N, C-alpha and C. Protein backbone atom coordinates (compact mmCIF):
# COMPACT_ATOMS: atom_id res chain seq x y z
N MET A 1 68.31 247.87 -177.51
CA MET A 1 69.60 247.12 -177.75
C MET A 1 70.56 248.03 -177.92
N THR A 2 71.71 247.62 -177.52
CA THR A 2 72.98 248.44 -177.69
C THR A 2 74.08 247.57 -178.51
N LYS A 3 74.80 247.96 -179.32
CA LYS A 3 75.85 247.33 -179.82
C LYS A 3 77.02 247.18 -178.96
N LEU A 4 77.73 246.01 -178.89
CA LEU A 4 78.87 245.90 -178.19
C LEU A 4 80.00 247.07 -178.21
N GLY A 5 80.16 247.62 -179.61
CA GLY A 5 81.19 248.46 -179.83
C GLY A 5 80.79 249.71 -179.26
N GLU A 6 79.56 249.91 -178.80
CA GLU A 6 79.18 251.33 -178.18
C GLU A 6 79.42 251.40 -176.51
N ILE A 7 79.58 250.11 -176.13
CA ILE A 7 79.71 250.14 -174.68
C ILE A 7 81.09 249.42 -174.19
N ALA A 8 81.62 248.76 -175.01
CA ALA A 8 83.08 248.21 -174.67
C ALA A 8 84.16 249.29 -175.03
N LYS A 9 85.16 249.27 -174.02
CA LYS A 9 86.04 250.48 -174.22
C LYS A 9 87.02 249.94 -175.28
N LEU A 10 87.48 248.61 -175.52
CA LEU A 10 88.30 248.27 -176.47
C LEU A 10 87.86 246.78 -176.89
N ILE A 11 87.75 246.57 -178.30
CA ILE A 11 87.55 245.32 -178.87
C ILE A 11 88.76 245.20 -179.89
N ARG A 12 89.43 244.10 -179.61
CA ARG A 12 90.68 243.90 -180.54
C ARG A 12 90.80 242.43 -180.70
N SER A 13 91.64 242.20 -182.04
CA SER A 13 92.11 240.91 -182.45
C SER A 13 93.68 240.86 -182.56
N LYS A 14 94.28 239.87 -182.32
CA LYS A 14 95.62 239.74 -182.66
C LYS A 14 95.90 238.21 -182.61
N ASN A 15 97.38 238.10 -183.25
CA ASN A 15 97.88 236.69 -183.16
C ASN A 15 97.94 236.12 -181.74
N ALA A 16 97.86 234.91 -181.57
CA ALA A 16 98.33 234.10 -180.46
C ALA A 16 99.07 233.02 -180.89
N GLY A 17 100.16 233.40 -181.62
CA GLY A 17 100.99 232.40 -182.28
C GLY A 17 100.68 232.33 -183.66
N PRO A 18 101.33 231.68 -184.67
CA PRO A 18 101.06 231.55 -185.96
C PRO A 18 99.73 230.77 -186.36
N PHE A 19 99.16 230.13 -185.39
CA PHE A 19 98.06 229.22 -185.85
C PHE A 19 96.75 229.66 -185.25
N GLU A 20 96.73 230.60 -184.18
CA GLU A 20 95.65 231.10 -183.37
C GLU A 20 95.40 232.54 -183.42
N LEU A 21 94.05 233.02 -183.32
CA LEU A 21 93.84 234.37 -183.22
C LEU A 21 93.19 234.43 -181.76
N THR A 22 93.44 235.70 -181.23
CA THR A 22 92.83 235.87 -179.78
C THR A 22 91.96 237.22 -180.04
N PHE A 23 90.90 237.46 -179.52
CA PHE A 23 89.97 238.43 -179.23
C PHE A 23 89.93 238.99 -177.85
N ASP A 24 90.14 240.31 -177.69
CA ASP A 24 89.86 240.84 -176.38
C ASP A 24 88.68 241.91 -176.27
N ILE A 25 87.84 241.77 -175.38
CA ILE A 25 86.69 242.46 -175.26
C ILE A 25 86.91 243.16 -173.85
N MET A 26 87.00 244.55 -173.52
CA MET A 26 87.36 245.05 -172.34
C MET A 26 86.40 246.32 -172.23
N PHE A 27 86.02 246.44 -170.94
CA PHE A 27 85.14 247.45 -170.51
C PHE A 27 86.02 248.37 -169.44
N ASP A 28 85.43 249.52 -169.26
CA ASP A 28 85.91 250.50 -168.42
C ASP A 28 84.92 250.73 -167.15
N THR A 29 83.70 250.04 -167.16
CA THR A 29 82.97 250.12 -165.88
C THR A 29 82.46 248.67 -165.44
N VAL A 30 82.44 248.48 -164.34
CA VAL A 30 81.91 247.22 -163.91
C VAL A 30 80.33 247.12 -164.32
N GLU A 31 79.51 248.17 -164.50
CA GLU A 31 78.24 248.23 -164.89
C GLU A 31 78.08 247.66 -166.44
N ASN A 32 78.89 248.00 -167.29
CA ASN A 32 78.80 247.59 -168.57
C ASN A 32 79.35 246.25 -168.81
N TYR A 33 80.30 245.85 -168.15
CA TYR A 33 81.08 244.52 -168.11
C TYR A 33 79.80 243.55 -167.69
N GLU A 34 79.06 243.86 -166.46
CA GLU A 34 77.98 243.14 -166.04
C GLU A 34 76.91 242.95 -166.85
N ARG A 35 76.64 244.04 -167.47
CA ARG A 35 75.36 243.84 -168.41
C ARG A 35 75.75 243.03 -169.66
N VAL A 36 77.02 243.04 -170.17
CA VAL A 36 77.24 241.99 -171.22
C VAL A 36 77.24 240.54 -170.60
N ARG A 37 77.85 240.34 -169.35
CA ARG A 37 77.92 239.14 -168.90
C ARG A 37 76.53 238.38 -168.49
N ARG A 38 75.75 239.43 -167.86
CA ARG A 38 74.43 238.97 -167.46
C ARG A 38 73.59 238.59 -168.65
N SER A 39 73.78 239.35 -169.77
CA SER A 39 72.94 238.86 -171.04
C SER A 39 73.29 237.59 -171.51
N THR A 40 74.29 237.00 -171.24
CA THR A 40 74.84 235.79 -171.84
C THR A 40 74.98 235.86 -173.42
N VAL A 41 74.65 237.00 -173.97
CA VAL A 41 74.80 236.75 -175.56
C VAL A 41 76.43 236.55 -175.93
N LEU A 42 77.32 237.15 -175.38
CA LEU A 42 78.71 236.87 -175.65
C LEU A 42 79.10 235.55 -175.01
N SER A 43 79.41 234.53 -175.98
CA SER A 43 79.62 233.34 -175.54
C SER A 43 80.58 232.37 -176.73
N ALA A 44 81.01 231.26 -176.27
CA ALA A 44 81.78 230.51 -177.24
C ALA A 44 80.98 230.08 -178.34
N ALA A 45 79.58 229.91 -178.12
CA ALA A 45 78.54 229.55 -179.29
C ALA A 45 78.49 230.59 -180.28
N LEU A 46 78.37 231.81 -179.72
CA LEU A 46 78.28 233.08 -180.66
C LEU A 46 79.49 233.50 -181.52
N ILE A 47 80.76 233.18 -180.87
CA ILE A 47 81.82 233.15 -181.57
C ILE A 47 82.12 232.14 -182.53
N SER A 48 81.67 231.07 -182.37
CA SER A 48 81.75 229.87 -183.24
C SER A 48 80.66 230.20 -184.52
N GLU A 49 79.68 230.77 -184.18
CA GLU A 49 78.68 231.17 -185.32
C GLU A 49 79.28 232.21 -186.12
N ILE A 50 79.82 233.31 -185.50
CA ILE A 50 80.32 234.31 -186.29
C ILE A 50 81.61 233.82 -187.27
N TYR A 51 82.48 233.13 -186.60
CA TYR A 51 83.65 232.78 -187.33
C TYR A 51 83.65 231.37 -187.98
N HIS A 52 82.37 230.76 -188.05
CA HIS A 52 82.01 229.59 -188.74
C HIS A 52 82.94 228.37 -188.36
N LEU A 53 82.94 228.00 -186.93
CA LEU A 53 83.82 227.09 -186.47
C LEU A 53 82.97 226.27 -185.55
N PRO A 54 83.41 224.93 -185.26
CA PRO A 54 82.85 224.25 -184.29
C PRO A 54 82.84 224.85 -182.91
N VAL A 55 82.01 224.82 -181.97
CA VAL A 55 81.97 225.52 -180.79
C VAL A 55 83.19 225.04 -179.94
N GLU A 56 83.48 223.64 -180.12
CA GLU A 56 84.59 223.07 -179.33
C GLU A 56 86.10 223.62 -179.71
N LYS A 57 86.08 224.20 -180.85
CA LYS A 57 87.35 224.94 -181.21
C LYS A 57 87.60 226.39 -180.75
N VAL A 58 86.49 226.80 -179.88
CA VAL A 58 86.68 228.04 -179.50
C VAL A 58 87.00 228.03 -177.91
N LYS A 59 87.95 228.78 -177.57
CA LYS A 59 88.32 228.92 -176.15
C LYS A 59 87.79 230.23 -175.67
N PHE A 60 86.99 230.10 -174.66
CA PHE A 60 86.37 231.47 -174.17
C PHE A 60 86.34 231.65 -172.71
N PHE A 61 86.67 232.83 -172.36
CA PHE A 61 86.81 233.07 -170.93
C PHE A 61 86.22 234.56 -170.31
N GLU A 62 85.77 234.41 -169.35
CA GLU A 62 85.34 235.65 -168.57
C GLU A 62 86.40 235.98 -167.67
N VAL A 63 86.69 237.17 -167.61
CA VAL A 63 87.99 237.74 -166.76
C VAL A 63 87.32 238.92 -166.01
N PRO A 64 86.71 238.53 -164.72
CA PRO A 64 86.11 239.69 -164.06
C PRO A 64 87.02 240.75 -163.51
N ALA A 65 88.19 240.21 -163.07
CA ALA A 65 89.17 241.23 -162.44
C ALA A 65 89.70 242.16 -163.49
N ALA A 66 89.63 241.73 -164.58
CA ALA A 66 90.10 242.80 -165.74
C ALA A 66 88.90 243.25 -166.50
N LEU A 67 87.62 243.10 -166.21
CA LEU A 67 86.53 243.66 -166.81
C LEU A 67 86.40 243.28 -168.21
N SER A 68 86.81 241.99 -168.48
CA SER A 68 86.99 241.75 -169.82
C SER A 68 86.53 240.24 -170.27
N PHE A 69 86.42 239.98 -171.49
CA PHE A 69 86.21 238.48 -171.96
C PHE A 69 87.29 238.42 -173.04
N LYS A 70 87.54 237.08 -173.25
CA LYS A 70 88.68 236.72 -174.05
C LYS A 70 88.26 235.30 -174.92
N ALA A 71 88.65 235.44 -176.20
CA ALA A 71 88.19 234.20 -176.97
C ALA A 71 89.34 233.93 -178.01
N SER A 72 89.75 232.63 -178.15
CA SER A 72 90.76 232.36 -179.03
C SER A 72 90.27 231.27 -179.95
N ILE A 73 90.66 231.41 -181.17
CA ILE A 73 90.26 230.43 -182.15
C ILE A 73 91.38 230.06 -183.12
N PRO A 74 91.22 229.08 -183.77
CA PRO A 74 92.25 228.65 -184.67
C PRO A 74 92.19 229.59 -186.06
N ARG A 75 93.32 230.02 -186.71
CA ARG A 75 93.23 230.84 -187.70
C ARG A 75 92.99 229.97 -188.87
N ALA A 76 92.39 230.53 -189.93
CA ALA A 76 91.84 229.81 -191.25
C ALA A 76 92.92 229.44 -192.00
N ASN A 77 93.93 230.38 -191.92
CA ASN A 77 95.29 230.02 -192.70
C ASN A 77 96.49 230.45 -191.67
N PHE A 78 97.43 229.74 -191.51
CA PHE A 78 98.43 229.99 -190.69
C PHE A 78 99.11 231.40 -191.01
N GLN A 79 99.78 232.14 -190.21
CA GLN A 79 100.36 233.30 -190.37
C GLN A 79 101.61 233.14 -191.46
N GLY A 80 101.33 234.02 -192.44
CA GLY A 80 102.39 234.04 -193.53
C GLY A 80 102.09 233.19 -194.50
N ASP A 81 100.90 232.30 -194.48
CA ASP A 81 100.63 231.53 -195.67
C ASP A 81 100.17 232.45 -196.79
N ILE A 82 100.46 231.82 -198.10
CA ILE A 82 99.99 232.66 -199.33
C ILE A 82 98.54 233.14 -199.28
N ASP A 83 97.49 232.46 -198.51
CA ASP A 83 96.43 232.76 -198.40
C ASP A 83 95.89 233.58 -197.22
N ASP A 84 96.87 233.82 -196.45
CA ASP A 84 96.71 234.60 -195.25
C ASP A 84 96.47 236.27 -195.67
N THR A 85 95.26 236.79 -195.35
CA THR A 85 94.92 238.21 -195.70
C THR A 85 95.37 239.15 -194.61
N ASP A 86 95.62 238.62 -193.38
CA ASP A 86 95.92 239.42 -192.17
C ASP A 86 96.87 238.87 -191.50
N SER A 87 98.10 239.04 -191.73
CA SER A 87 99.38 238.54 -191.13
C SER A 87 99.26 238.66 -189.51
N HIS A 88 98.92 239.90 -189.09
CA HIS A 88 98.82 240.32 -187.52
C HIS A 88 97.55 239.83 -186.91
N GLY A 89 96.57 239.46 -187.70
CA GLY A 89 95.19 239.14 -186.98
C GLY A 89 94.67 240.50 -186.54
N GLY A 90 95.03 241.49 -186.75
CA GLY A 90 94.39 242.83 -186.25
C GLY A 90 93.30 243.36 -186.63
N GLN A 91 92.66 242.70 -187.85
CA GLN A 91 91.50 243.21 -188.38
C GLN A 91 90.16 242.07 -188.25
N GLN A 92 90.52 241.16 -187.54
CA GLN A 92 89.43 240.28 -187.43
C GLN A 92 88.39 240.21 -186.34
N TYR A 93 88.48 241.28 -185.59
CA TYR A 93 87.39 241.74 -184.50
C TYR A 93 86.29 242.45 -185.00
N ALA A 94 86.19 242.81 -186.33
CA ALA A 94 85.13 243.66 -186.86
C ALA A 94 83.89 243.22 -186.68
N PRO A 95 83.48 241.96 -186.99
CA PRO A 95 82.36 241.32 -186.65
C PRO A 95 81.65 241.46 -185.18
N LEU A 96 82.55 241.47 -184.25
CA LEU A 96 82.21 241.65 -182.97
C LEU A 96 81.63 243.03 -182.49
N ILE A 97 81.86 243.96 -183.10
CA ILE A 97 81.37 245.40 -182.89
C ILE A 97 79.99 245.35 -182.94
N ASP A 98 79.22 244.76 -184.01
CA ASP A 98 77.72 244.88 -184.02
C ASP A 98 76.87 243.93 -183.28
N ILE A 99 77.55 243.11 -182.33
CA ILE A 99 76.76 242.18 -181.55
C ILE A 99 75.79 243.11 -180.67
N GLU A 100 74.58 242.71 -180.82
CA GLU A 100 73.56 243.36 -180.08
C GLU A 100 73.40 242.86 -178.52
N ILE A 101 73.52 243.74 -177.60
CA ILE A 101 73.49 243.50 -176.23
C ILE A 101 72.02 244.15 -175.63
N PRO A 102 71.24 243.26 -175.14
CA PRO A 102 70.09 243.74 -174.56
C PRO A 102 70.24 244.77 -173.26
């Protein structure tokens, strides 16, 4: 098994407006992208599990032309809310790094 963070070129999170976060997982080789895609580990179901959301709240896309995956989820607190601990959403990707890829 290999961790996603070891084979992805970039894993990031950021705001997608004040009410959503988006995650980008990008690869620099077709082989690594295809390895993850074929494993079917990375999915809306996994994102919903990691971020404790109903699966229907997760927007999940495979983007083969860009060798990437994208997911968007609702923010727990809207941007700028007194309980918002990451105004730009840039630290929310961390749990994705340790996803095990066969």
